[in-house]
Amino acid sequence: MYILQCSDDSFYTGSTRNLEARLYHHQNGLVEGYTSRRLPVRLVYSAYFARIEDAYAAEKQVQGWSRAKRIALIEGRFEDLPALSRTAKPKPEDD
């Protein structure tokens, strides 16, 4: 699973069996669609999964995240991810 940062500062999330080849395709406009209209792109995050099904599931999960949550993942701020959840509820304040 990987995240690319596009020239318009947006993020593209995908999954592949061969990251190096897929990145080459994205960077050279060989993947029609979102990234080909936002070149250049650069790899900002990748994670390895033993099964492509797991990478695809992670891709779909991250695609549903807010920009702030994606940035926290990219920056390695894993402890911030729960608080950035769209469904996270604030903790009640102590009296």
N, C-alpha and C. Protein backbone atom coordinates (compact mmCIF):
# COMPACT_ATOMS: atom_id res chain seq x y z
N MET A 1 0.85 -1.16 0.00
CA MET A 1 0.00 0.00 0.00
C MET A 1 0.90 1.22 0.00
N TYR A 2 0.50 2.24 -0.76
CA TYR A 2 1.35 3.42 -0.87
C TYR A 2 0.51 4.69 -0.96
N ILE A 3 1.15 5.80 -0.64
CA ILE A 3 0.53 7.12 -0.79
C ILE A 3 1.47 7.98 -1.61
N LEU A 4 0.92 8.62 -2.63
CA LEU A 4 1.67 9.57 -3.44
C LEU A 4 1.17 10.97 -3.14
N GLN A 5 2.07 11.93 -3.16
CA GLN A 5 1.69 13.34 -3.07
C GLN A 5 1.78 13.89 -4.49
N CYS A 6 0.70 14.49 -4.95
CA CYS A 6 0.61 15.00 -6.31
C CYS A 6 1.04 16.46 -6.37
N SER A 7 1.23 16.96 -7.58
CA SER A 7 1.70 18.34 -7.77
C SER A 7 0.75 19.37 -7.20
N ASP A 8 -0.55 19.03 -7.09
CA ASP A 8 -1.51 19.97 -6.51
C ASP A 8 -1.63 19.79 -5.00
N ASP A 9 -0.72 19.02 -4.40
CA ASP A 9 -0.63 18.76 -2.96
C ASP A 9 -1.71 17.79 -2.47
N SER A 10 -2.45 17.18 -3.38
CA SER A 10 -3.41 16.16 -2.98
C SER A 10 -2.68 14.83 -2.82
N PHE A 11 -3.37 13.86 -2.22
CA PHE A 11 -2.79 12.53 -2.02
C PHE A 11 -3.54 11.50 -2.84
N TYR A 12 -2.80 10.51 -3.31
CA TYR A 12 -3.38 9.37 -4.02
C TYR A 12 -2.92 8.13 -3.27
N THR A 13 -3.86 7.25 -2.95
CA THR A 13 -3.56 6.03 -2.23
C THR A 13 -3.82 4.84 -3.14
N GLY A 14 -2.87 3.92 -3.19
CA GLY A 14 -3.02 2.73 -4.02
C GLY A 14 -2.35 1.53 -3.40
N SER A 15 -2.47 0.40 -4.09
CA SER A 15 -1.79 -0.81 -3.66
C SER A 15 -1.28 -1.53 -4.90
N THR A 16 -0.23 -2.28 -4.72
CA THR A 16 0.41 -2.96 -5.85
C THR A 16 1.26 -4.11 -5.35
N ARG A 17 1.61 -5.00 -6.25
CA ARG A 17 2.54 -6.08 -5.94
C ARG A 17 3.98 -5.66 -6.18
N ASN A 18 4.17 -4.61 -6.99
CA ASN A 18 5.52 -4.16 -7.36
C ASN A 18 5.57 -2.64 -7.26
N LEU A 19 5.97 -2.13 -6.11
CA LEU A 19 5.94 -0.69 -5.85
C LEU A 19 6.85 0.08 -6.80
N GLU A 20 8.04 -0.41 -7.04
CA GLU A 20 8.98 0.30 -7.90
C GLU A 20 8.41 0.48 -9.31
N ALA A 21 7.84 -0.56 -9.87
CA ALA A 21 7.26 -0.47 -11.22
C ALA A 21 6.04 0.44 -11.23
N ARG A 22 5.21 0.30 -10.21
CA ARG A 22 3.99 1.12 -10.16
C ARG A 22 4.34 2.60 -10.02
N LEU A 23 5.33 2.92 -9.20
CA LEU A 23 5.76 4.30 -9.03
C LEU A 23 6.28 4.86 -10.36
N TYR A 24 7.06 4.07 -11.08
CA TYR A 24 7.55 4.48 -12.39
C TYR A 24 6.37 4.81 -13.32
N HIS A 25 5.37 3.94 -13.32
CA HIS A 25 4.19 4.17 -14.16
C HIS A 25 3.47 5.46 -13.79
N HIS A 26 3.28 5.68 -12.50
CA HIS A 26 2.63 6.92 -12.05
C HIS A 26 3.45 8.14 -12.46
N GLN A 27 4.74 8.12 -12.18
CA GLN A 27 5.59 9.28 -12.43
C GLN A 27 5.70 9.63 -13.92
N ASN A 28 5.48 8.65 -14.77
CA ASN A 28 5.60 8.88 -16.21
C ASN A 28 4.26 8.97 -16.92
N GLY A 29 3.18 9.16 -16.14
CA GLY A 29 1.86 9.37 -16.72
C GLY A 29 1.28 8.15 -17.41
N LEU A 30 1.76 6.96 -17.07
CA LEU A 30 1.29 5.74 -17.70
C LEU A 30 0.06 5.15 -17.00
N VAL A 31 -0.31 5.72 -15.88
CA VAL A 31 -1.52 5.31 -15.17
C VAL A 31 -2.55 6.40 -15.44
N GLU A 32 -3.48 6.11 -16.32
CA GLU A 32 -4.48 7.13 -16.66
C GLU A 32 -5.38 7.41 -15.48
N GLY A 33 -5.79 8.65 -15.38
CA GLY A 33 -6.70 9.01 -14.31
C GLY A 33 -6.14 10.09 -13.41
N TYR A 34 -6.37 9.92 -12.13
CA TYR A 34 -6.09 10.95 -11.14
C TYR A 34 -4.65 11.45 -11.19
N THR A 35 -3.69 10.56 -11.10
CA THR A 35 -2.29 11.01 -11.01
C THR A 35 -1.76 11.55 -12.33
N SER A 36 -2.24 11.04 -13.44
CA SER A 36 -1.72 11.50 -14.73
C SER A 36 -2.05 12.96 -14.99
N ARG A 37 -3.07 13.48 -14.31
CA ARG A 37 -3.46 14.88 -14.44
C ARG A 37 -2.82 15.76 -13.37
N ARG A 38 -2.00 15.15 -12.49
CA ARG A 38 -1.42 15.89 -11.36
C ARG A 38 0.07 15.62 -11.22
N LEU A 39 0.75 15.47 -12.32
CA LEU A 39 2.20 15.21 -12.31
C LEU A 39 2.98 16.46 -12.01
N PRO A 40 4.13 16.36 -11.40
CA PRO A 40 4.75 15.12 -10.95
C PRO A 40 4.16 14.64 -9.63
N VAL A 41 4.39 13.37 -9.34
CA VAL A 41 3.98 12.78 -8.07
C VAL A 41 5.22 12.27 -7.37
N ARG A 42 5.13 12.16 -6.05
CA ARG A 42 6.25 11.58 -5.30
C ARG A 42 5.71 10.67 -4.21
N LEU A 43 6.44 9.62 -3.97
CA LEU A 43 6.07 8.66 -2.94
C LEU A 43 6.32 9.27 -1.57
N VAL A 44 5.29 9.29 -0.71
CA VAL A 44 5.46 9.84 0.63
C VAL A 44 5.24 8.80 1.73
N TYR A 45 4.69 7.64 1.36
CA TYR A 45 4.45 6.59 2.37
C TYR A 45 4.28 5.26 1.65
N SER A 46 4.79 4.21 2.27
CA SER A 46 4.50 2.86 1.78
C SER A 46 4.53 1.89 2.95
N ALA A 47 3.74 0.85 2.84
CA ALA A 47 3.70 -0.20 3.85
C ALA A 47 3.62 -1.54 3.12
N TYR A 48 4.35 -2.50 3.62
CA TYR A 48 4.37 -3.84 3.02
C TYR A 48 3.36 -4.74 3.73
N PHE A 49 2.65 -5.53 2.95
CA PHE A 49 1.72 -6.53 3.47
C PHE A 49 2.05 -7.86 2.80
N ALA A 50 1.98 -8.94 3.55
CA ALA A 50 2.31 -10.26 3.01
C ALA A 50 1.29 -10.69 1.94
N ARG A 51 0.06 -10.24 2.09
CA ARG A 51 -0.99 -10.60 1.13
C ARG A 51 -1.52 -9.34 0.46
N ILE A 52 -1.70 -9.38 -0.87
CA ILE A 52 -2.21 -8.23 -1.61
C ILE A 52 -3.61 -7.85 -1.13
N GLU A 53 -4.37 -8.84 -0.66
CA GLU A 53 -5.71 -8.55 -0.15
C GLU A 53 -5.65 -7.63 1.05
N ASP A 54 -4.64 -7.82 1.89
CA ASP A 54 -4.48 -6.96 3.07
C ASP A 54 -4.05 -5.56 2.66
N ALA A 55 -3.18 -5.46 1.65
CA ALA A 55 -2.76 -4.15 1.15
C ALA A 55 -3.96 -3.41 0.56
N TYR A 56 -4.79 -4.12 -0.18
CA TYR A 56 -5.97 -3.51 -0.79
C TYR A 56 -6.94 -3.03 0.30
N ALA A 57 -7.11 -3.82 1.35
CA ALA A 57 -7.99 -3.42 2.46
C ALA A 57 -7.45 -2.16 3.13
N ALA A 58 -6.13 -2.11 3.34
CA ALA A 58 -5.52 -0.92 3.95
C ALA A 58 -5.69 0.29 3.04
N GLU A 59 -5.53 0.08 1.74
CA GLU A 59 -5.73 1.18 0.77
C GLU A 59 -7.14 1.75 0.91
N LYS A 60 -8.13 0.89 0.92
CA LYS A 60 -9.53 1.35 1.02
C LYS A 60 -9.78 2.07 2.34
N GLN A 61 -9.17 1.59 3.41
CA GLN A 61 -9.33 2.24 4.71
C GLN A 61 -8.75 3.64 4.68
N VAL A 62 -7.52 3.77 4.20
CA VAL A 62 -6.84 5.07 4.18
C VAL A 62 -7.54 6.04 3.22
N GLN A 63 -8.11 5.53 2.14
CA GLN A 63 -8.84 6.41 1.21
C GLN A 63 -10.01 7.11 1.90
N GLY A 64 -10.55 6.50 2.93
CA GLY A 64 -11.66 7.10 3.66
C GLY A 64 -11.24 8.07 4.75
N TRP A 65 -9.95 8.23 4.95
CA TRP A 65 -9.44 9.08 6.02
C TRP A 65 -9.41 10.55 5.60
N SER A 66 -9.44 11.41 6.59
CA SER A 66 -9.27 12.84 6.35
C SER A 66 -7.83 13.13 5.94
N ARG A 67 -7.62 14.30 5.38
CA ARG A 67 -6.27 14.72 5.01
C ARG A 67 -5.36 14.76 6.25
N ALA A 68 -5.87 15.28 7.35
CA ALA A 68 -5.07 15.38 8.58
C ALA A 68 -4.63 14.00 9.07
N LYS A 69 -5.50 13.03 8.97
CA LYS A 69 -5.16 11.69 9.42
C LYS A 69 -4.13 11.05 8.48
N ARG A 70 -4.26 11.29 7.18
CA ARG A 70 -3.27 10.78 6.23
C ARG A 70 -1.89 11.40 6.51
N ILE A 71 -1.86 12.70 6.79
CA ILE A 71 -0.60 13.37 7.08
C ILE A 71 0.03 12.79 8.35
N ALA A 72 -0.78 12.51 9.35
CA ALA A 72 -0.26 11.89 10.58
C ALA A 72 0.37 10.53 10.27
N LEU A 73 -0.27 9.74 9.41
CA LEU A 73 0.29 8.45 9.02
C LEU A 73 1.62 8.65 8.28
N ILE A 74 1.63 9.55 7.32
CA ILE A 74 2.84 9.83 6.53
C ILE A 74 3.99 10.26 7.44
N GLU A 75 3.68 11.09 8.44
CA GLU A 75 4.70 11.61 9.35
C GLU A 75 5.05 10.63 10.47
N GLY A 76 4.38 9.49 10.51
CA GLY A 76 4.67 8.49 11.53
C GLY A 76 4.10 8.81 12.89
N ARG A 77 3.12 9.69 12.94
CA ARG A 77 2.49 10.06 14.21
C ARG A 77 1.31 9.11 14.49
N PHE A 78 1.64 7.84 14.68
CA PHE A 78 0.62 6.81 14.83
C PHE A 78 -0.27 7.03 16.05
N GLU A 79 0.32 7.61 17.10
CA GLU A 79 -0.47 7.86 18.32
C GLU A 79 -1.58 8.88 18.09
N ASP A 80 -1.47 9.71 17.04
CA ASP A 80 -2.48 10.72 16.74
C ASP A 80 -3.65 10.17 15.92
N LEU A 81 -3.49 9.00 15.33
CA LEU A 81 -4.50 8.48 14.42
C LEU A 81 -5.88 8.30 15.07
N PRO A 82 -5.98 7.72 16.27
CA PRO A 82 -7.32 7.55 16.85
C PRO A 82 -8.06 8.88 17.05
N ALA A 83 -7.36 9.90 17.49
CA ALA A 83 -7.99 11.19 17.74
C ALA A 83 -8.43 11.88 16.45
N LEU A 84 -7.80 11.51 15.34
CA LEU A 84 -8.14 12.12 14.05
C LEU A 84 -9.24 11.37 13.32
N SER A 85 -9.77 10.35 13.94
CA SER A 85 -10.84 9.58 13.32
C SER A 85 -12.09 10.45 13.20
N ARG A 86 -12.76 10.34 12.08
CA ARG A 86 -13.99 11.13 11.86
C ARG A 86 -15.08 10.74 12.83
N THR A 87 -15.01 9.52 13.36
CA THR A 87 -16.03 9.07 14.30
C THR A 87 -15.57 9.17 15.74
N ALA A 88 -14.36 9.64 15.94
CA ALA A 88 -13.85 9.76 17.31
C ALA A 88 -14.65 10.80 18.08
N LYS A 89 -14.99 10.45 19.28
CA LYS A 89 -15.72 11.38 20.13
C LYS A 89 -14.76 11.97 21.15
N PRO A 90 -14.90 13.26 21.43
CA PRO A 90 -14.00 13.86 22.45
C PRO A 90 -14.22 13.22 23.81
N LYS A 91 -13.13 13.11 24.56
CA LYS A 91 -13.23 12.55 25.90
C LYS A 91 -13.90 13.59 26.80
N PRO A 92 -14.77 13.12 27.71
CA PRO A 92 -15.42 14.07 28.63
C PRO A 92 -14.39 14.72 29.53
N GLU A 93 -14.58 15.99 29.79
CA GLU A 93 -13.65 16.72 30.66
C GLU A 93 -13.89 16.33 32.10
N ASP A 94 -12.80 16.36 32.87
CA ASP A 94 -12.92 16.07 34.31
C ASP A 94 -13.54 17.26 35.00
N ASP A 95 -14.36 16.97 36.00
CA ASP A 95 -15.02 18.05 36.76
C ASP A 95 -14.11 18.62 37.79
